[in-house]
């Protein structure tokens, strides 16, 4: 069996992801995207050490449903897509750490921006609204370290929220890590380069597993070899 070694890309991934996974005191997580099951694992593993967790995307909308808000057609859409499987775990986290977990205060639909509970019953929500983006950007600009996983909404057609967040991270003086497939694609989409952020992970699902505290067999084999 041939000896195996981590290349420079993998070493950078492990070094930077280890910093925010294992020594992320008083940092901020911005967690969005499509799959609440991904971000709940990260929340459970990291919530004790972070200062704030800003929720967006489907996880943010599911959290609003947990809080009892009516999101029009989106609640049924979430159930149909099977994105509610982590609802109980998310509810437990919100109950225990409500002082750390920040939910969207407005949401964008096709017709405009509405506060939770006032979304038209025949519409779907697609992104965070302007007030939420403004509030989140302020928190991010003041943070010493930030991890962003997932866009704030359906960025292909509704890019406004994600673009404002990425702009804020690019301007930040803190340690900024972007991870997950869709998140890393936002860098080029909004006109930035990898050098505008402390680290942009290309690991996709492995990034989520690692940040959730799971062991990665290949990594463990390399470390023990």
C-alpha atoms as a PDB file:
ATOM      1  CA  UNK A   1       0.000   0.000   0.000  1.00  0.00           C
ATOM      2  CA  UNK A   2       1.388   3.377  -1.015  1.00  0.00           C
ATOM      3  CA  UNK A   3       1.978   6.121   1.518  1.00  0.00           C
ATOM      4  CA  UNK A   4      -0.633   8.874   1.433  1.00  0.00           C
ATOM      5  CA  UNK A   5      -0.191  12.554   2.189  1.00  0.00           C
ATOM      6  CA  UNK A   6      -2.414  15.612   2.351  1.00  0.00           C
ATOM      7  CA  UNK A   7      -1.730  18.074  -0.451  1.00  0.00           C
ATOM      8  CA  UNK A   8      -1.517  21.865   0.045  1.00  0.00           C
ATOM      9  CA  UNK A   9      -5.228  22.444  -0.691  1.00  0.00           C
ATOM     10  CA  UNK A  10      -6.325  19.846   1.843  1.00  0.00           C
ATOM     11  CA  UNK A  11      -3.882  21.173   4.430  1.00  0.00           C
ATOM     12  CA  UNK A  12      -5.314  24.680   4.036  1.00  0.00           C
ATOM     13  CA  UNK A  13      -8.822  23.294   4.349  1.00  0.00           C
ATOM     14  CA  UNK A  14      -8.001  21.459   7.571  1.00  0.00           C
ATOM     15  CA  UNK A  15      -6.023  24.315   9.107  1.00  0.00           C
ATOM     16  CA  UNK A  16      -8.652  26.978   8.467  1.00  0.00           C
ATOM     17  CA  UNK A  17     -11.679  24.814   9.227  1.00  0.00           C
ATOM     18  CA  UNK A  18     -10.041  23.592  12.439  1.00  0.00           C
ATOM     19  CA  UNK A  19      -9.577  27.186  13.584  1.00  0.00           C
ATOM     20  CA  UNK A  20     -13.299  27.911  13.396  1.00  0.00           C
ATOM     21  CA  UNK A  21     -14.485  24.475  14.485  1.00  0.00           C
ATOM     22  CA  UNK A  22     -12.275  23.990  17.526  1.00  0.00           C
ATOM     23  CA  UNK A  23     -11.243  27.496  18.579  1.00  0.00           C
ATOM     24  CA  UNK A  24     -14.111  29.744  17.523  1.00  0.00           C
ATOM     25  CA  UNK A  25     -14.620  31.841  20.634  1.00  0.00           C
ATOM     26  CA  UNK A  26     -17.052  34.742  20.257  1.00  0.00           C
ATOM     27  CA  UNK A  27     -17.467  34.242  16.519  1.00  0.00           C
ATOM     28  CA  UNK A  28     -20.633  34.506  14.454  1.00  0.00           C
ATOM     29  CA  UNK A  29     -22.283  31.849  12.295  1.00  0.00           C
ATOM     30  CA  UNK A  30     -24.470  32.807   9.352  1.00  0.00           C
ATOM     31  CA  UNK A  31     -26.356  29.673   8.363  1.00  0.00           C
ATOM     32  CA  UNK A  32     -28.673  29.511   5.374  1.00  0.00           C
ATOM     33  CA  UNK A  33     -29.069  27.377   2.284  1.00  0.00           C
ATOM     34  CA  UNK A  34     -31.641  24.731   1.581  1.00  0.00           C
ATOM     35  CA  UNK A  35     -31.042  21.941   4.091  1.00  0.00           C
ATOM     36  CA  UNK A  36     -31.841  22.592   7.769  1.00  0.00           C
ATOM     37  CA  UNK A  37     -30.444  19.141   8.596  1.00  0.00           C
ATOM     38  CA  UNK A  38     -26.990  20.380   7.572  1.00  0.00           C
ATOM     39  CA  UNK A  39     -26.980  23.489   9.706  1.00  0.00           C
ATOM     40  CA  UNK A  40     -28.604  21.939  12.792  1.00  0.00           C
ATOM     41  CA  UNK A  41     -25.571  19.677  13.230  1.00  0.00           C
ATOM     42  CA  UNK A  42     -23.273  22.695  13.013  1.00  0.00           C
ATOM     43  CA  UNK A  43     -25.415  24.580  15.511  1.00  0.00           C
ATOM     44  CA  UNK A  44     -25.422  21.697  17.989  1.00  0.00           C
ATOM     45  CA  UNK A  45     -21.641  21.357  17.820  1.00  0.00           C
ATOM     46  CA  UNK A  46     -20.709  25.057  17.883  1.00  0.00           C
ATOM     47  CA  UNK A  47     -23.482  26.927  19.702  1.00  0.00           C
ATOM     48  CA  UNK A  48     -21.727  26.953  23.074  1.00  0.00           C
ATOM     49  CA  UNK A  49     -18.708  28.794  21.692  1.00  0.00           C
ATOM     50  CA  UNK A  50     -20.268  31.344  19.332  1.00  0.00           C
ATOM     51  CA  UNK A  51     -21.602  34.792  20.115  1.00  0.00           C
ATOM     52  CA  UNK A  52     -24.458  34.773  17.603  1.00  0.00           C
ATOM     53  CA  UNK A  53     -26.066  32.463  15.059  1.00  0.00           C
ATOM     54  CA  UNK A  54     -27.827  34.318  12.245  1.00  0.00           C
ATOM     55  CA  UNK A  55     -30.341  32.138  10.423  1.00  0.00           C
ATOM     56  CA  UNK A  56     -31.421  32.643   6.834  1.00  0.00           C
ATOM     57  CA  UNK A  57     -32.607  30.570   3.882  1.00  0.00           C
ATOM     58  CA  UNK A  58     -34.797  27.543   4.589  1.00  0.00           C
ATOM     59  CA  UNK A  59     -33.345  27.093   8.113  1.00  0.00           C
ATOM     60  CA  UNK A  60     -34.368  30.660   8.989  1.00  0.00           C
ATOM     61  CA  UNK A  61     -37.850  30.131   7.607  1.00  0.00           C
ATOM     62  CA  UNK A  62     -38.226  26.814   9.439  1.00  0.00           C
ATOM     63  CA  UNK A  63     -37.169  28.567  12.652  1.00  0.00           C
ATOM     64  CA  UNK A  64     -39.912  31.162  12.096  1.00  0.00           C
ATOM     65  CA  UNK A  65     -42.435  28.340  11.663  1.00  0.00           C
ATOM     66  CA  UNK A  66     -41.175  26.865  14.955  1.00  0.00           C
ATOM     67  CA  UNK A  67     -41.850  30.267  16.536  1.00  0.00           C
ATOM     68  CA  UNK A  68     -45.442  30.151  15.282  1.00  0.00           C
ATOM     69  CA  UNK A  69     -45.283  32.562  12.329  1.00  0.00           C
ATOM     70  CA  UNK A  70     -47.438  32.060   9.243  1.00  0.00           C
ATOM     71  CA  UNK A  71     -45.245  32.154   6.121  1.00  0.00           C
ATOM     72  CA  UNK A  72     -47.957  31.760   3.518  1.00  0.00           C
ATOM     73  CA  UNK A  73     -47.367  28.827   1.171  1.00  0.00           C
ATOM     74  CA  UNK A  74     -43.793  28.303   2.350  1.00  0.00           C
ATOM     75  CA  UNK A  75     -44.606  26.113   5.357  1.00  0.00           C
ATOM     76  CA  UNK A  76     -46.398  23.572   3.170  1.00  0.00           C
ATOM     77  CA  UNK A  77     -43.599  23.812   0.574  1.00  0.00           C
ATOM     78  CA  UNK A  78     -41.016  23.032   3.273  1.00  0.00           C
ATOM     79  CA  UNK A  79     -42.982  19.952   4.332  1.00  0.00           C
ATOM     80  CA  UNK A  80     -43.437  18.749   0.757  1.00  0.00           C
ATOM     81  CA  UNK A  81     -39.692  19.017   0.154  1.00  0.00           C
ATOM     82  CA  UNK A  82     -38.929  17.113   3.365  1.00  0.00           C
ATOM     83  CA  UNK A  83     -36.984  20.009   4.879  1.00  0.00           C
ATOM     84  CA  UNK A  84     -38.827  19.771   8.195  1.00  0.00           C
ATOM     85  CA  UNK A  85     -37.139  16.569   9.405  1.00  0.00           C
ATOM     86  CA  UNK A  86     -34.880  18.539  11.774  1.00  0.00           C
ATOM     87  CA  UNK A  87     -37.703  20.658  13.154  1.00  0.00           C
ATOM     88  CA  UNK A  88     -37.652  19.175  16.673  1.00  0.00           C
ATOM     89  CA  UNK A  89     -33.881  19.541  17.027  1.00  0.00           C
ATOM     90  CA  UNK A  90     -34.072  23.123  15.799  1.00  0.00           C
ATOM     91  CA  UNK A  91     -36.919  23.892  18.187  1.00  0.00           C
ATOM     92  CA  UNK A  92     -34.884  22.552  21.104  1.00  0.00           C
ATOM     93  CA  UNK A  93     -31.890  24.697  20.135  1.00  0.00           C
ATOM     94  CA  UNK A  94     -34.048  27.817  19.873  1.00  0.00           C
ATOM     95  CA  UNK A  95     -35.610  27.165  23.275  1.00  0.00           C
ATOM     96  CA  UNK A  96     -32.233  26.687  24.935  1.00  0.00           C
ATOM     97  CA  UNK A  97     -30.215  29.359  23.139  1.00  0.00           C
ATOM     98  CA  UNK A  98     -32.765  31.985  22.100  1.00  0.00           C
ATOM     99  CA  UNK A  99     -30.425  34.767  23.238  1.00  0.00           C
ATOM    100  CA  UNK A 100     -27.851  33.641  20.652  1.00  0.00           C
ATOM    101  CA  UNK A 101     -30.053  32.623  17.728  1.00  0.00           C
ATOM    102  CA  UNK A 102     -31.261  35.481  15.516  1.00  0.00           C
ATOM    103  CA  UNK A 103     -34.183  34.969  13.120  1.00  0.00           C
ATOM    104  CA  UNK A 104     -35.152  36.980  10.018  1.00  0.00           C
ATOM    105  CA  UNK A 105     -37.371  39.974  10.735  1.00  0.00           C
ATOM    106  CA  UNK A 106     -38.562  40.361   7.148  1.00  0.00           C
ATOM    107  CA  UNK A 107     -38.756  38.169   4.049  1.00  0.00           C
ATOM    108  CA  UNK A 108     -38.866  38.773   0.314  1.00  0.00           C
ATOM    109  CA  UNK A 109     -41.560  37.319  -1.936  1.00  0.00           C
ATOM    110  CA  UNK A 110     -42.252  37.898  -5.617  1.00  0.00           C
ATOM    111  CA  UNK A 111     -44.445  40.897  -4.812  1.00  0.00           C
ATOM    112  CA  UNK A 112     -42.407  42.593  -2.081  1.00  0.00           C
ATOM    113  CA  UNK A 113     -40.981  42.428   1.422  1.00  0.00           C
ATOM    114  CA  UNK A 114     -43.105  41.399   4.429  1.00  0.00           C
ATOM    115  CA  UNK A 115     -42.640  40.799   8.123  1.00  0.00           C
ATOM    116  CA  UNK A 116     -43.194  37.214   9.337  1.00  0.00           C
ATOM    117  CA  UNK A 117     -46.889  36.637   9.875  1.00  0.00           C
ATOM    118  CA  UNK A 118     -47.859  39.129   7.163  1.00  0.00           C
ATOM    119  CA  UNK A 119     -46.694  37.128   4.146  1.00  0.00           C
ATOM    120  CA  UNK A 120     -49.560  36.837   1.603  1.00  0.00           C
ATOM    121  CA  UNK A 121     -51.124  33.401   1.856  1.00  0.00           C
ATOM    122  CA  UNK A 122     -50.763  32.659  -1.850  1.00  0.00           C
ATOM    123  CA  UNK A 123     -47.047  33.544  -2.098  1.00  0.00           C
ATOM    124  CA  UNK A 124     -43.706  31.872  -1.369  1.00  0.00           C
ATOM    125  CA  UNK A 125     -40.831  33.550   0.457  1.00  0.00           C
ATOM    126  CA  UNK A 126     -37.533  33.536  -1.421  1.00  0.00           C
ATOM    127  CA  UNK A 127     -34.975  35.577   0.522  1.00  0.00           C
ATOM    128  CA  UNK A 128     -34.384  37.660   3.620  1.00  0.00           C
ATOM    129  CA  UNK A 129     -35.664  41.235   3.450  1.00  0.00           C
ATOM    130  CA  UNK A 130     -33.779  44.526   3.571  1.00  0.00           C
ATOM    131  CA  UNK A 131     -34.068  45.067   7.337  1.00  0.00           C
ATOM    132  CA  UNK A 132     -32.785  41.574   8.079  1.00  0.00           C
ATOM    133  CA  UNK A 133     -29.864  42.032   5.693  1.00  0.00           C
ATOM    134  CA  UNK A 134     -29.029  45.388   7.297  1.00  0.00           C
ATOM    135  CA  UNK A 135     -29.144  43.920  10.807  1.00  0.00           C
ATOM    136  CA  UNK A 136     -27.087  40.864   9.863  1.00  0.00           C
ATOM    137  CA  UNK A 137     -24.450  42.958   8.076  1.00  0.00           C
ATOM    138  CA  UNK A 138     -24.012  45.099  11.172  1.00  0.00           C
ATOM    139  CA  UNK A 139     -23.419  42.030  13.346  1.00  0.00           C
ATOM    140  CA  UNK A 140     -20.991  40.567  10.795  1.00  0.00           C
ATOM    141  CA  UNK A 141     -19.032  43.804  10.428  1.00  0.00           C
ATOM    142  CA  UNK A 142     -18.397  43.879  14.184  1.00  0.00           C
ATOM    143  CA  UNK A 143     -17.438  40.195  14.532  1.00  0.00           C
ATOM    144  CA  UNK A 144     -13.852  39.020  14.973  1.00  0.00           C
ATOM    145  CA  UNK A 145     -14.611  35.815  13.075  1.00  0.00           C
ATOM    146  CA  UNK A 146     -17.457  34.646  10.807  1.00  0.00           C
ATOM    147  CA  UNK A 147     -18.463  31.379   9.186  1.00  0.00           C
ATOM    148  CA  UNK A 148     -21.040  31.566   6.388  1.00  0.00           C
ATOM    149  CA  UNK A 149     -22.694  28.366   5.223  1.00  0.00           C
ATOM    150  CA  UNK A 150     -25.377  28.673   2.589  1.00  0.00           C
ATOM    151  CA  UNK A 151     -26.923  31.648   0.753  1.00  0.00           C
ATOM    152  CA  UNK A 152     -29.677  33.691   2.388  1.00  0.00           C
ATOM    153  CA  UNK A 153     -32.251  32.587  -0.168  1.00  0.00           C
ATOM    154  CA  UNK A 154     -32.875  31.513  -3.762  1.00  0.00           C
ATOM    155  CA  UNK A 155     -29.940  33.609  -4.979  1.00  0.00           C
ATOM    156  CA  UNK A 156     -30.298  32.653  -8.655  1.00  0.00           C
ATOM    157  CA  UNK A 157     -33.449  34.791  -8.942  1.00  0.00           C
ATOM    158  CA  UNK A 158     -33.389  36.693  -5.628  1.00  0.00           C
ATOM    159  CA  UNK A 159     -29.731  37.579  -4.999  1.00  0.00           C
ATOM    160  CA  UNK A 160     -30.148  40.774  -2.966  1.00  0.00           C
ATOM    161  CA  UNK A 161     -29.768  39.337   0.552  1.00  0.00           C
ATOM    162  CA  UNK A 162     -26.874  37.024  -0.297  1.00  0.00           C
ATOM    163  CA  UNK A 163     -25.052  39.796  -2.147  1.00  0.00           C
ATOM    164  CA  UNK A 164     -25.269  42.193   0.797  1.00  0.00           C
ATOM    165  CA  UNK A 165     -23.944  39.538   3.171  1.00  0.00           C
ATOM    166  CA  UNK A 166     -21.056  38.595   0.873  1.00  0.00           C
ATOM    167  CA  UNK A 167     -20.209  42.284   0.399  1.00  0.00           C
ATOM    168  CA  UNK A 168     -20.095  42.688   4.178  1.00  0.00           C
ATOM    169  CA  UNK A 169     -17.789  39.690   4.621  1.00  0.00           C
ATOM    170  CA  UNK A 170     -15.470  40.878   1.854  1.00  0.00           C
ATOM    171  CA  UNK A 171     -15.123  44.235   3.643  1.00  0.00           C
ATOM    172  CA  UNK A 172     -14.623  42.641   7.069  1.00  0.00           C
ATOM    173  CA  UNK A 173     -11.357  42.887   8.996  1.00  0.00           C
ATOM    174  CA  UNK A 174     -12.215  39.663  10.829  1.00  0.00           C
ATOM    175  CA  UNK A 175     -11.411  36.022  10.025  1.00  0.00           C
ATOM    176  CA  UNK A 176     -13.973  35.051   7.372  1.00  0.00           C
ATOM    177  CA  UNK A 177     -14.723  31.508   6.227  1.00  0.00           C
ATOM    178  CA  UNK A 178     -17.242  30.606   3.535  1.00  0.00           C
ATOM    179  CA  UNK A 179     -18.213  26.964   3.117  1.00  0.00           C
ATOM    180  CA  UNK A 180     -20.588  24.729   1.227  1.00  0.00           C
ATOM    181  CA  UNK A 181     -21.030  24.337  -2.521  1.00  0.00           C
ATOM    182  CA  UNK A 182     -23.515  27.144  -3.121  1.00  0.00           C
ATOM    183  CA  UNK A 183     -21.748  29.479  -0.712  1.00  0.00           C
ATOM    184  CA  UNK A 184     -18.397  29.241  -2.481  1.00  0.00           C
ATOM    185  CA  UNK A 185     -20.078  29.917  -5.833  1.00  0.00           C
ATOM    186  CA  UNK A 186     -21.273  33.283  -4.498  1.00  0.00           C
ATOM    187  CA  UNK A 187     -17.692  34.568  -4.499  1.00  0.00           C
ATOM    188  CA  UNK A 188     -17.414  34.745  -8.279  1.00  0.00           C
ATOM    189  CA  UNK A 189     -21.083  35.532  -8.799  1.00  0.00           C
ATOM    190  CA  UNK A 190     -20.749  38.807  -6.921  1.00  0.00           C
ATOM    191  CA  UNK A 191     -17.404  39.768  -8.441  1.00  0.00           C
ATOM    192  CA  UNK A 192     -14.962  38.745  -5.711  1.00  0.00           C
ATOM    193  CA  UNK A 193     -11.873  36.558  -5.621  1.00  0.00           C
ATOM    194  CA  UNK A 194     -10.850  33.925  -3.083  1.00  0.00           C
ATOM    195  CA  UNK A 195      -8.314  36.395  -1.653  1.00  0.00           C
ATOM    196  CA  UNK A 196     -11.134  38.674  -0.463  1.00  0.00           C
ATOM    197  CA  UNK A 197     -11.926  36.166   2.300  1.00  0.00           C
ATOM    198  CA  UNK A 198      -9.749  34.396   4.862  1.00  0.00           C
ATOM    199  CA  UNK A 199     -10.813  31.014   3.508  1.00  0.00           C
ATOM    200  CA  UNK A 200     -13.308  29.711   0.958  1.00  0.00           C
ATOM    201  CA  UNK A 201     -13.914  26.002   1.423  1.00  0.00           C
ATOM    202  CA  UNK A 202     -14.471  23.806  -1.619  1.00  0.00           C
ATOM    203  CA  UNK A 203     -15.277  20.745   0.487  1.00  0.00           C
ATOM    204  CA  UNK A 204     -19.090  20.837   0.168  1.00  0.00           C
ATOM    205  CA  UNK A 205     -20.709  18.115   2.270  1.00  0.00           C
ATOM    206  CA  UNK A 206     -17.414  17.269   3.948  1.00  0.00           C
ATOM    207  CA  UNK A 207     -17.229  20.864   5.222  1.00  0.00           C
ATOM    208  CA  UNK A 208     -20.635  20.492   6.869  1.00  0.00           C
ATOM    209  CA  UNK A 209     -19.717  17.145   8.448  1.00  0.00           C
ATOM    210  CA  UNK A 210     -16.393  18.447   9.746  1.00  0.00           C
ATOM    211  CA  UNK A 211     -17.980  21.594  11.181  1.00  0.00           C
ATOM    212  CA  UNK A 212     -20.600  19.402  12.854  1.00  0.00           C
ATOM    213  CA  UNK A 213     -17.881  17.566  14.765  1.00  0.00           C
ATOM    214  CA  UNK A 214     -18.029  14.371  12.729  1.00  0.00           C
ATOM    215  CA  UNK A 215     -14.894  12.360  12.020  1.00  0.00           C
ATOM    216  CA  UNK A 216     -13.863  12.122   8.372  1.00  0.00           C
ATOM    217  CA  UNK A 217     -12.282   8.681   7.750  1.00  0.00           C
ATOM    218  CA  UNK A 218      -9.713   9.905   5.204  1.00  0.00           C
ATOM    219  CA  UNK A 219      -8.619  12.761   7.472  1.00  0.00           C
ATOM    220  CA  UNK A 220      -8.284  10.441  10.456  1.00  0.00           C
ATOM    221  CA  UNK A 221      -6.269   7.962   8.379  1.00  0.00           C
ATOM    222  CA  UNK A 222      -3.897  10.709   7.215  1.00  0.00           C
ATOM    223  CA  UNK A 223      -3.433  11.968  10.758  1.00  0.00           C
ATOM    224  CA  UNK A 224      -2.676   8.524  12.133  1.00  0.00           C
ATOM    225  CA  UNK A 225      -0.405   7.564   9.267  1.00  0.00           C
END
